[in-house]
PDB file of N, CA and C in Angstrom:
ATOM      1  N   UNK A   1      96.689 101.120 112.506  1.00  0.00           N
ATOM      2  CA  UNK A   1      95.430 101.761 112.597  1.00  0.00           C
ATOM      3  C   UNK A   1      94.687 101.554 111.286  1.00  0.00           C
ATOM      4  N   UNK A   2      93.876 100.629 111.300  1.00  0.00           N
ATOM      5  CA  UNK A   2      93.111 100.301 110.106  1.00  0.00           C
ATOM      6  C   UNK A   2      92.025 101.334 109.892  1.00  0.00           C
ATOM      7  N   UNK A   3      91.732 101.613 108.643  1.00  0.00           N
ATOM      8  CA  UNK A   3      90.658 102.512 108.294  1.00  0.00           C
ATOM      9  C   UNK A   3      91.052 103.985 108.219  1.00  0.00           C
ATOM     10  N   UNK A   4      92.252 104.345 108.617  1.00  0.00           N
ATOM     11  CA  UNK A   4      92.685 105.736 108.509  1.00  0.00           C
ATOM     12  C   UNK A   4      93.269 105.970 107.118  1.00  0.00           C
ATOM     13  N   UNK A   5      92.957 107.110 106.580  1.00  0.00           N
ATOM     14  CA  UNK A   5      93.471 107.473 105.258  1.00  0.00           C
ATOM     15  C   UNK A   5      94.661 108.392 105.461  1.00  0.00           C
ATOM     16  N   UNK A   6      95.728 108.061 104.760  1.00  0.00           N
ATOM     17  CA  UNK A   6      96.922 108.899 104.831  1.00  0.00           C
ATOM     18  C   UNK A   6      96.903 109.854 103.635  1.00  0.00           C
ATOM     19  N   UNK A   7      97.152 111.081 103.911  1.00  0.00           N
ATOM     20  CA  UNK A   7      97.233 112.087 102.861  1.00  0.00           C
ATOM     21  C   UNK A   7      98.686 112.484 102.669  1.00  0.00           C
ATOM     22  N   UNK A   8      99.058 112.599 101.443  1.00  0.00           N
ATOM     23  CA  UNK A   8     100.420 113.008 101.126  1.00  0.00           C
ATOM     24  C   UNK A   8     100.357 114.413 100.535  1.00  0.00           C
ATOM     25  N   UNK A   9     101.088 115.285 101.136  1.00  0.00           N
ATOM     26  CA  UNK A   9     101.104 116.655 100.644  1.00  0.00           C
ATOM     27  C   UNK A   9     102.197 116.788  99.594  1.00  0.00           C
ATOM     28  N   UNK A  10     101.808 117.333  98.453  1.00  0.00           N
ATOM     29  CA  UNK A  10     102.785 117.533  97.390  1.00  0.00           C
ATOM     30  C   UNK A  10     102.877 119.029  97.104  1.00  0.00           C
ATOM     31  N   UNK A  11     104.073 119.454  96.918  1.00  0.00           N
ATOM     32  CA  UNK A  11     104.277 120.852  96.555  1.00  0.00           C
ATOM     33  C   UNK A  11     104.992 120.905  95.220  1.00  0.00           C
ATOM     34  N   UNK A  12     104.674 121.918  94.515  1.00  0.00           N
ATOM     35  CA  UNK A  12     105.274 122.113  93.205  1.00  0.00           C
ATOM     36  C   UNK A  12     106.560 122.906  93.397  1.00  0.00           C
ATOM     37  N   UNK A  13     107.662 122.352  92.969  1.00  0.00           N
ATOM     38  CA  UNK A  13     108.939 123.035  93.177  1.00  0.00           C
ATOM     39  C   UNK A  13     109.606 123.471  91.882  1.00  0.00           C
ATOM     40  N   UNK A  14     109.080 123.099  90.762  1.00  0.00           N
ATOM     41  CA  UNK A  14     109.729 123.394  89.496  1.00  0.00           C
ATOM     42  C   UNK A  14     109.216 124.635  88.811  1.00  0.00           C
ATOM     43  N   UNK A  15     109.127 125.761  89.516  1.00  0.00           N
ATOM     44  CA  UNK A  15     108.653 126.998  88.903  1.00  0.00           C
ATOM     45  C   UNK A  15     109.706 127.521  87.941  1.00  0.00           C
ATOM     46  N   UNK A  16     109.238 127.984  86.808  1.00  0.00           N
ATOM     47  CA  UNK A  16     110.133 128.609  85.851  1.00  0.00           C
ATOM     48  C   UNK A  16     109.789 130.089  85.797  1.00  0.00           C
ATOM     49  N   UNK A  17     110.795 130.901  86.006  1.00  0.00           N
ATOM     50  CA  UNK A  17     110.605 132.339  85.965  1.00  0.00           C
ATOM     51  C   UNK A  17     110.986 132.817  84.572  1.00  0.00           C
ATOM     52  N   UNK A  18     110.061 133.462  83.921  1.00  0.00           N
ATOM     53  CA  UNK A  18     110.313 133.962  82.588  1.00  0.00           C
ATOM     54  C   UNK A  18     110.991 135.329  82.683  1.00  0.00           C
ATOM     55  N   UNK A  19     112.093 135.464  81.985  1.00  0.00           N
ATOM     56  CA  UNK A  19     112.793 136.743  81.952  1.00  0.00           C
ATOM     57  C   UNK A  19     111.915 137.756  81.217  1.00  0.00           C
ATOM     58  N   UNK A  20     111.903 138.995  81.678  1.00  0.00           N
ATOM     59  CA  UNK A  20     111.079 139.999  80.984  1.00  0.00           C
ATOM     60  C   UNK A  20     111.653 140.303  79.607  1.00  0.00           C
ATOM     61  N   UNK A  21     110.764 140.639  78.675  1.00  0.00           N
ATOM     62  CA  UNK A  21     111.213 141.002  77.340  1.00  0.00           C
ATOM     63  C   UNK A  21     111.935 142.343  77.418  1.00  0.00           C
ATOM     64  N   UNK A  22     113.013 142.458  76.662  1.00  0.00           N
ATOM     65  CA  UNK A  22     113.814 143.667  76.681  1.00  0.00           C
ATOM     66  C   UNK A  22     113.462 144.558  75.492  1.00  0.00           C
ATOM     67  N   UNK A  23     113.610 145.862  75.707  1.00  0.00           N
ATOM     68  CA  UNK A  23     113.294 146.853  74.678  1.00  0.00           C
ATOM     69  C   UNK A  23     114.463 147.815  74.505  1.00  0.00           C
ATOM     70  N   UNK A  24     114.739 148.168  73.245  1.00  0.00           N
ATOM     71  CA  UNK A  24     115.753 149.165  72.934  1.00  0.00           C
ATOM     72  C   UNK A  24     115.108 150.550  72.988  1.00  0.00           C
ATOM     73  N   UNK A  25     115.868 151.505  73.466  1.00  0.00           N
ATOM     74  CA  UNK A  25     115.490 152.902  73.326  1.00  0.00           C
ATOM     75  C   UNK A  25     116.340 153.420  72.164  1.00  0.00           C
ATOM     76  N   UNK A  26     115.670 153.974  71.157  1.00  0.00           N
ATOM     77  CA  UNK A  26     116.332 154.399  69.927  1.00  0.00           C
ATOM     78  C   UNK A  26     116.169 155.911  69.765  1.00  0.00           C
ATOM     79  N   UNK A  27     117.292 156.579  69.505  1.00  0.00           N
ATOM     80  CA  UNK A  27     117.270 158.011  69.215  1.00  0.00           C
ATOM     81  C   UNK A  27     117.511 158.195  67.726  1.00  0.00           C
ATOM     82  N   UNK A  28     116.822 159.181  67.149  1.00  0.00           N
ATOM     83  CA  UNK A  28     116.919 159.446  65.715  1.00  0.00           C
ATOM     84  C   UNK A  28     117.582 160.800  65.464  1.00  0.00           C
ATOM     85  N   UNK A  29     118.320 160.876  64.383  1.00  0.00           N
ATOM     86  CA  UNK A  29     118.971 162.111  63.975  1.00  0.00           C
ATOM     87  C   UNK A  29     117.946 163.093  63.414  1.00  0.00           C
ATOM     88  N   UNK A  30     118.153 164.363  63.696  1.00  0.00           N
ATOM     89  CA  UNK A  30     117.375 165.410  63.043  1.00  0.00           C
ATOM     90  C   UNK A  30     118.295 166.609  62.851  1.00  0.00           C
ATOM     91  N   UNK A  31     117.858 167.584  62.093  1.00  0.00           N
ATOM     92  CA  UNK A  31     118.690 168.749  61.778  1.00  0.00           C
ATOM     93  C   UNK A  31     118.474 169.916  62.735  1.00  0.00           C
ATOM     94  N   UNK A  32     117.711 169.722  63.793  1.00  0.00           N
ATOM     95  CA  UNK A  32     117.336 170.836  64.651  1.00  0.00           C
ATOM     96  C   UNK A  32     117.780 170.692  66.102  1.00  0.00           C
ATOM     97  N   UNK A  33     117.865 169.479  66.611  1.00  0.00           N
ATOM     98  CA  UNK A  33     118.221 169.269  68.017  1.00  0.00           C
ATOM     99  C   UNK A  33     119.732 169.409  68.176  1.00  0.00           C
ATOM    100  N   UNK A  34     120.193 170.322  69.040  1.00  0.00           N
ATOM    101  CA  UNK A  34     121.636 170.533  69.213  1.00  0.00           C
ATOM    102  C   UNK A  34     122.347 169.300  69.786  1.00  0.00           C
ATOM    103  N   UNK A  35     123.572 169.120  69.341  1.00  0.00           N
ATOM    104  CA  UNK A  35     124.375 167.985  69.812  1.00  0.00           C
ATOM    105  C   UNK A  35     124.577 168.029  71.314  1.00  0.00           C
ATOM    106  N   UNK A  36     124.784 169.223  71.863  1.00  0.00           N
ATOM    107  CA  UNK A  36     124.990 169.347  73.317  1.00  0.00           C
ATOM    108  C   UNK A  36     123.762 168.888  74.097  1.00  0.00           C
ATOM    109  N   UNK A  37     122.578 169.175  73.557  1.00  0.00           N
ATOM    110  CA  UNK A  37     121.342 168.739  74.204  1.00  0.00           C
ATOM    111  C   UNK A  37     121.276 167.205  74.225  1.00  0.00           C
ATOM    112  N   UNK A  38     121.621 166.577  73.107  1.00  0.00           N
ATOM    113  CA  UNK A  38     121.597 165.109  73.026  1.00  0.00           C
ATOM    114  C   UNK A  38     122.576 164.510  74.039  1.00  0.00           C
ATOM    115  N   UNK A  39     123.764 165.087  74.138  1.00  0.00           N
ATOM    116  CA  UNK A  39     124.759 164.601  75.101  1.00  0.00           C
ATOM    117  C   UNK A  39     124.224 164.736  76.522  1.00  0.00           C
ATOM    118  N   UNK A  40     123.612 165.865  76.828  1.00  0.00           N
ATOM    119  CA  UNK A  40     123.068 166.082  78.175  1.00  0.00           C
ATOM    120  C   UNK A  40     121.969 165.064  78.498  1.00  0.00           C
ATOM    121  N   UNK A  41     121.110 164.775  77.535  1.00  0.00           N
ATOM    122  CA  UNK A  41     120.044 163.773  77.726  1.00  0.00           C
ATOM    123  C   UNK A  41     120.653 162.394  77.963  1.00  0.00           C
ATOM    124  N   UNK A  42     121.648 162.052  77.174  1.00  0.00           N
ATOM    125  CA  UNK A  42     122.295 160.743  77.334  1.00  0.00           C
ATOM    126  C   UNK A  42     122.939 160.597  78.712  1.00  0.00           C
ATOM    127  N   UNK A  43     123.504 161.674  79.216  1.00  0.00           N
ATOM    128  CA  UNK A  43     124.150 161.612  80.526  1.00  0.00           C
ATOM    129  C   UNK A  43     123.129 161.623  81.662  1.00  0.00           C
ATOM    130  N   UNK A  44     122.123 162.489  81.571  1.00  0.00           N
ATOM    131  CA  UNK A  44     121.204 162.658  82.700  1.00  0.00           C
ATOM    132  C   UNK A  44     120.104 161.599  82.761  1.00  0.00           C
ATOM    133  N   UNK A  45     119.601 161.157  81.623  1.00  0.00           N
ATOM    134  CA  UNK A  45     118.510 160.178  81.631  1.00  0.00           C
ATOM    135  C   UNK A  45     119.022 158.749  81.459  1.00  0.00           C
ATOM    136  N   UNK A  46     120.038 158.586  80.611  1.00  0.00           N
ATOM    137  CA  UNK A  46     120.511 157.236  80.296  1.00  0.00           C
ATOM    138  C   UNK A  46     121.798 156.869  81.023  1.00  0.00           C
ATOM    139  N   UNK A  47     122.230 157.735  81.940  1.00  0.00           N
ATOM    140  CA  UNK A  47     123.384 157.482  82.812  1.00  0.00           C
ATOM    141  C   UNK A  47     124.649 157.108  82.051  1.00  0.00           C
ATOM    142  N   UNK A  48     124.886 157.778  80.931  1.00  0.00           N
ATOM    143  CA  UNK A  48     126.105 157.550  80.161  1.00  0.00           C
ATOM    144  C   UNK A  48     127.181 158.498  80.665  1.00  0.00           C
ATOM    145  N   UNK A  49     128.437 158.056  80.561  1.00  0.00           N
ATOM    146  CA  UNK A  49     129.536 158.955  80.872  1.00  0.00           C
ATOM    147  C   UNK A  49     129.629 159.988  79.758  1.00  0.00           C
ATOM    148  N   UNK A  50     130.381 161.029  79.976  1.00  0.00           N
ATOM    149  CA  UNK A  50     130.525 162.061  78.948  1.00  0.00           C
ATOM    150  C   UNK A  50     131.127 161.462  77.673  1.00  0.00           C
ATOM    151  N   UNK A  51     132.110 160.606  77.808  1.00  0.00           N
ATOM    152  CA  UNK A  51     132.741 159.965  76.647  1.00  0.00           C
ATOM    153  C   UNK A  51     131.742 159.092  75.899  1.00  0.00           C
ATOM    154  N   UNK A  52     130.993 158.270  76.634  1.00  0.00           N
ATOM    155  CA  UNK A  52     129.976 157.415  75.997  1.00  0.00           C
ATOM    156  C   UNK A  52     128.920 158.263  75.297  1.00  0.00           C
ATOM    157  N   UNK A  53     128.497 159.339  75.969  1.00  0.00           N
ATOM    158  CA  UNK A  53     127.453 160.204  75.413  1.00  0.00           C
ATOM    159  C   UNK A  53     127.916 160.842  74.101  1.00  0.00           C
ATOM    160  N   UNK A  54     129.159 161.319  74.053  1.00  0.00           N
ATOM    161  CA  UNK A  54     129.679 161.909  72.819  1.00  0.00           C
ATOM    162  C   UNK A  54     129.782 160.871  71.706  1.00  0.00           C
ATOM    163  N   UNK A  55     130.234 159.667  72.045  1.00  0.00           N
ATOM    164  CA  UNK A  55     130.329 158.607  71.034  1.00  0.00           C
ATOM    165  C   UNK A  55     128.961 158.258  70.462  1.00  0.00           C
ATOM    166  N   UNK A  56     127.965 158.123  71.328  1.00  0.00           N
ATOM    167  CA  UNK A  56     126.605 157.793  70.874  1.00  0.00           C
ATOM    168  C   UNK A  56     126.037 158.944  70.053  1.00  0.00           C
ATOM    169  N   UNK A  57     126.241 160.180  70.525  1.00  0.00           N
ATOM    170  CA  UNK A  57     125.724 161.346  69.802  1.00  0.00           C
ATOM    171  C   UNK A  57     126.310 161.403  68.398  1.00  0.00           C
ATOM    172  N   UNK A  58     127.613 161.157  68.245  1.00  0.00           N
ATOM    173  CA  UNK A  58     128.226 161.180  66.914  1.00  0.00           C
ATOM    174  C   UNK A  58     127.724 160.026  66.059  1.00  0.00           C
ATOM    175  N   UNK A  59     127.448 158.902  66.685  1.00  0.00           N
ATOM    176  CA  UNK A  59     126.881 157.769  65.947  1.00  0.00           C
ATOM    177  C   UNK A  59     125.506 158.136  65.390  1.00  0.00           C
ATOM    178  N   UNK A  60     124.700 158.800  66.195  1.00  0.00           N
ATOM    179  CA  UNK A  60     123.378 159.252  65.745  1.00  0.00           C
ATOM    180  C   UNK A  60     123.548 160.288  64.635  1.00  0.00           C
ATOM    181  N   UNK A  61     124.463 161.223  64.830  1.00  0.00           N
ATOM    182  CA  UNK A  61     124.684 162.313  63.870  1.00  0.00           C
ATOM    183  C   UNK A  61     125.163 161.781  62.502  1.00  0.00           C
ATOM    184  N   UNK A  62     126.041 160.780  62.520  1.00  0.00           N
ATOM    185  CA  UNK A  62     126.568 160.215  61.267  1.00  0.00           C
ATOM    186  C   UNK A  62     125.571 159.310  60.571  1.00  0.00           C
ATOM    187  N   UNK A  63     124.689 158.689  61.336  1.00  0.00           N
ATOM    188  CA  UNK A  63     123.707 157.781  60.746  1.00  0.00           C
ATOM    189  C   UNK A  63     122.320 158.377  60.854  1.00  0.00           C
ATOM    190  N   UNK A  64     121.361 157.505  60.926  1.00  0.00           N
ATOM    191  CA  UNK A  64     119.990 157.994  61.072  1.00  0.00           C
ATOM    192  C   UNK A  64     119.444 157.733  62.464  1.00  0.00           C
ATOM    193  N   UNK A  65     120.050 156.768  63.182  1.00  0.00           N
ATOM    194  CA  UNK A  65     119.538 156.399  64.500  1.00  0.00           C
ATOM    195  C   UNK A  65     120.585 155.591  65.241  1.00  0.00           C
ATOM    196  N   UNK A  66     120.361 155.429  66.556  1.00  0.00           N
ATOM    197  CA  UNK A  66     121.241 154.586  67.367  1.00  0.00           C
ATOM    198  C   UNK A  66     120.475 154.096  68.583  1.00  0.00           C
ATOM    199  N   UNK A  67     120.767 152.872  68.985  1.00  0.00           N
ATOM    200  CA  UNK A  67     120.220 152.321  70.229  1.00  0.00           C
ATOM    201  C   UNK A  67     121.046 152.913  71.363  1.00  0.00           C
ATOM    202  N   UNK A  68     120.366 153.553  72.316  1.00  0.00           N
ATOM    203  CA  UNK A  68     121.069 154.214  73.411  1.00  0.00           C
ATOM    204  C   UNK A  68     120.950 153.459  74.728  1.00  0.00           C
ATOM    205  N   UNK A  69     120.140 152.410  74.750  1.00  0.00           N
ATOM    206  CA  UNK A  69     119.998 151.597  75.949  1.00  0.00           C
ATOM    207  C   UNK A  69     118.990 150.493  75.723  1.00  0.00           C
ATOM    208  N   UNK A  70     119.116 149.440  76.521  1.00  0.00           N
ATOM    209  CA  UNK A  70     118.199 148.306  76.450  1.00  0.00           C
ATOM    210  C   UNK A  70     117.712 148.024  77.867  1.00  0.00           C
ATOM    211  N   UNK A  71     116.386 148.033  78.031  1.00  0.00           N
ATOM    212  CA  UNK A  71     115.777 147.924  79.348  1.00  0.00           C
ATOM    213  C   UNK A  71     114.503 147.087  79.267  1.00  0.00           C
ATOM    214  N   UNK A  72     113.958 146.744  80.440  1.00  0.00           N
ATOM    215  CA  UNK A  72     112.629 146.131  80.439  1.00  0.00           C
ATOM    216  C   UNK A  72     111.649 147.201  79.963  1.00  0.00           C
ATOM    217  N   UNK A  73     110.475 146.779  79.521  1.00  0.00           N
ATOM    218  CA  UNK A  73     109.521 147.660  78.855  1.00  0.00           C
ATOM    219  C   UNK A  73     109.231 148.944  79.618  1.00  0.00           C
ATOM    220  N   UNK A  74     108.841 148.842  80.879  1.00  0.00           N
ATOM    221  CA  UNK A  74     108.437 150.022  81.651  1.00  0.00           C
ATOM    222  C   UNK A  74     109.559 151.054  81.753  1.00  0.00           C
ATOM    223  N   UNK A  75     110.765 150.584  81.974  1.00  0.00           N
ATOM    224  CA  UNK A  75     111.895 151.506  82.102  1.00  0.00           C
ATOM    225  C   UNK A  75     112.219 152.130  80.749  1.00  0.00           C
ATOM    226  N   UNK A  76     112.208 151.337  79.685  1.00  0.00           N
ATOM    227  CA  UNK A  76     112.488 151.860  78.344  1.00  0.00           C
ATOM    228  C   UNK A  76     111.490 152.954  77.967  1.00  0.00           C
ATOM    229  N   UNK A  77     110.217 152.698  78.187  1.00  0.00           N
ATOM    230  CA  UNK A  77     109.181 153.678  77.833  1.00  0.00           C
ATOM    231  C   UNK A  77     109.317 154.938  78.684  1.00  0.00           C
ATOM    232  N   UNK A  78     109.580 154.777  79.951  1.00  0.00           N
ATOM    233  CA  UNK A  78     109.729 155.928  80.844  1.00  0.00           C
ATOM    234  C   UNK A  78     110.900 156.806  80.426  1.00  0.00           C
ATOM    235  N   UNK A  79     112.036 156.197  80.120  1.00  0.00           N
ATOM    236  CA  UNK A  79     113.214 156.964  79.698  1.00  0.00           C
ATOM    237  C   UNK A  79     112.961 157.665  78.365  1.00  0.00           C
ATOM    238  N   UNK A  80     112.337 156.975  77.426  1.00  0.00           N
ATOM    239  CA  UNK A  80     112.045 157.583  76.118  1.00  0.00           C
ATOM    240  C   UNK A  80     111.099 158.768  76.286  1.00  0.00           C
ATOM    241  N   UNK A  81     110.061 158.598  77.088  1.00  0.00           N
ATOM    242  CA  UNK A  81     109.093 159.688  77.304  1.00  0.00           C
ATOM    243  C   UNK A  81     109.749 160.884  77.987  1.00  0.00           C
ATOM    244  N   UNK A  82     110.615 160.626  78.941  1.00  0.00           N
ATOM    245  CA  UNK A  82     111.300 161.711  79.642  1.00  0.00           C
ATOM    246  C   UNK A  82     112.203 162.485  78.679  1.00  0.00           C
ATOM    247  N   UNK A  83     112.904 161.791  77.798  1.00  0.00           N
ATOM    248  CA  UNK A  83     113.768 162.463  76.824  1.00  0.00           C
ATOM    249  C   UNK A  83     112.944 163.338  75.882  1.00  0.00           C
ATOM    250  N   UNK A  84     111.835 162.813  75.394  1.00  0.00           N
ATOM    251  CA  UNK A  84     110.970 163.578  74.487  1.00  0.00           C
ATOM    252  C   UNK A  84     110.353 164.768  75.217  1.00  0.00           C
ATOM    253  N   UNK A  85     109.928 164.571  76.448  1.00  0.00           N
ATOM    254  CA  UNK A  85     109.327 165.652  77.233  1.00  0.00           C
ATOM    255  C   UNK A  85     110.319 166.802  77.393  1.00  0.00           C
ATOM    256  N   UNK A  86     111.544 166.487  77.734  1.00  0.00           N
ATOM    257  CA  UNK A  86     112.550 167.540  77.912  1.00  0.00           C
ATOM    258  C   UNK A  86     112.865 168.232  76.592  1.00  0.00           C
ATOM    259  N   UNK A  87     112.884 167.470  75.505  1.00  0.00           N
ATOM    260  CA  UNK A  87     113.125 168.067  74.187  1.00  0.00           C
ATOM    261  C   UNK A  87     112.002 169.042  73.840  1.00  0.00           C
ATOM    262  N   UNK A  88     110.772 168.651  74.072  1.00  0.00           N
ATOM    263  CA  UNK A  88     109.632 169.517  73.754  1.00  0.00           C
ATOM    264  C   UNK A  88     109.646 170.779  74.618  1.00  0.00           C
ATOM    265  N   UNK A  89     110.042 170.627  75.877  1.00  0.00           N
ATOM    266  CA  UNK A  89     110.124 171.794  76.763  1.00  0.00           C
ATOM    267  C   UNK A  89     111.131 172.816  76.240  1.00  0.00           C
ATOM    268  N   UNK A  90     112.177 172.307  75.587  1.00  0.00           N
ATOM    269  CA  UNK A  90     113.198 173.198  75.025  1.00  0.00           C
ATOM    270  C   UNK A  90     112.928 173.538  73.558  1.00  0.00           C
ATOM    271  N   UNK A  91     111.817 173.042  73.012  1.00  0.00           N
ATOM    272  CA  UNK A  91     111.426 173.391  71.660  1.00  0.00           C
ATOM    273  C   UNK A  91     112.084 172.582  70.550  1.00  0.00           C
ATOM    274  N   UNK A  92     112.561 171.378  70.867  1.00  0.00           N
ATOM    275  CA  UNK A  92     113.231 170.546  69.860  1.00  0.00           C
ATOM    276  C   UNK A  92     112.312 169.414  69.404  1.00  0.00           C
ATOM    277  N   UNK A  93     112.430 169.022  68.131  1.00  0.00           N
ATOM    278  CA  UNK A  93     111.587 167.937  67.600  1.00  0.00           C
ATOM    279  C   UNK A  93     112.216 166.553  67.792  1.00  0.00           C
ATOM    280  N   UNK A  94     113.112 166.422  68.734  1.00  0.00           N
ATOM    281  CA  UNK A  94     113.876 165.200  68.978  1.00  0.00           C
ATOM    282  C   UNK A  94     112.973 163.975  69.022  1.00  0.00           C
ATOM    283  N   UNK A  95     113.356 162.928  68.303  1.00  0.00           N
ATOM    284  CA  UNK A  95     112.562 161.704  68.222  1.00  0.00           C
ATOM    285  C   UNK A  95     113.268 160.573  68.977  1.00  0.00           C
ATOM    286  N   UNK A  96     112.577 159.997  69.949  1.00  0.00           N
ATOM    287  CA  UNK A  96     113.080 158.876  70.735  1.00  0.00           C
ATOM    288  C   UNK A  96     111.954 157.858  70.820  1.00  0.00           C
ATOM    289  N   UNK A  97     112.247 156.618  70.479  1.00  0.00           N
ATOM    290  CA  UNK A  97     111.231 155.567  70.476  1.00  0.00           C
ATOM    291  C   UNK A  97     111.760 154.302  71.141  1.00  0.00           C
ATOM    292  N   UNK A  98     110.846 153.383  71.400  1.00  0.00           N
ATOM    293  CA  UNK A  98     111.227 152.064  71.914  1.00  0.00           C
ATOM    294  C   UNK A  98     110.837 151.008  70.881  1.00  0.00           C
ATOM    295  N   UNK A  99     111.589 149.903  70.899  1.00  0.00           N
ATOM    296  CA  UNK A  99     111.291 148.777  70.032  1.00  0.00           C
ATOM    297  C   UNK A  99     111.759 147.505  70.735  1.00  0.00           C
ATOM    298  N   UNK A 100     111.106 146.386  70.473  1.00  0.00           N
ATOM    299  CA  UNK A 100     111.557 145.143  71.093  1.00  0.00           C
ATOM    300  C   UNK A 100     113.001 144.848  70.728  1.00  0.00           C
ATOM    301  N   UNK A 101     113.787 144.446  71.710  1.00  0.00           N
ATOM    302  CA  UNK A 101     115.206 144.152  71.465  1.00  0.00           C
ATOM    303  C   UNK A 101     115.350 142.951  70.539  1.00  0.00           C
ATOM    304  N   UNK A 102     114.323 142.120  70.470  1.00  0.00           N
ATOM    305  CA  UNK A 102     114.395 140.935  69.612  1.00  0.00           C
ATOM    306  C   UNK A 102     114.214 141.277  68.143  1.00  0.00           C
ATOM    307  N   UNK A 103     113.784 142.544  67.851  1.00  0.00           N
ATOM    308  CA  UNK A 103     113.633 142.931  66.449  1.00  0.00           C
ATOM    309  C   UNK A 103     115.014 143.105  65.835  1.00  0.00           C
ATOM    310  N   UNK A 104     115.076 142.964  64.540  1.00  0.00           N
ATOM    311  CA  UNK A 104     116.385 143.020  63.880  1.00  0.00           C
ATOM    312  C   UNK A 104     116.600 144.347  63.184  1.00  0.00           C
ATOM    313  N   UNK A 105     116.364 145.449  63.925  1.00  0.00           N
ATOM    314  CA  UNK A 105     116.572 146.772  63.352  1.00  0.00           C
ATOM    315  C   UNK A 105     118.041 147.138  63.356  1.00  0.00           C
ATOM    316  N   UNK A 106     118.381 148.213  62.634  1.00  0.00           N
ATOM    317  CA  UNK A 106     119.753 148.701  62.576  1.00  0.00           C
ATOM    318  C   UNK A 106     120.079 149.452  63.853  1.00  0.00           C
ATOM    319  N   UNK A 107     121.346 149.445  64.241  1.00  0.00           N
ATOM    320  CA  UNK A 107     121.820 150.257  65.362  1.00  0.00           C
ATOM    321  C   UNK A 107     122.300 151.576  64.867  1.00  0.00           C
TER     322      UNK A 107
END
């Protein structure tokens, strides 16, 4: 069939999916927030076992801070905000923040 144009359909198959950037949730030591409260937060919000929660709490207590979990941004921020909200409801100045996991901060 002379004069007909053939069209070739091309599809792009080499998609690269970028992994989401990860963020640490960091808890800081203070002289006012009770240890039991910190353990309860670690268990209820960060899904730590009682043993893990006590180990992390003592790590925070002995130092100045500790990474308590690493999540994608939205989850990290939500967990940090929930921990701070509960602390404020109970009258504690507990400090919980997020930072990029790629940063080279101390644990």
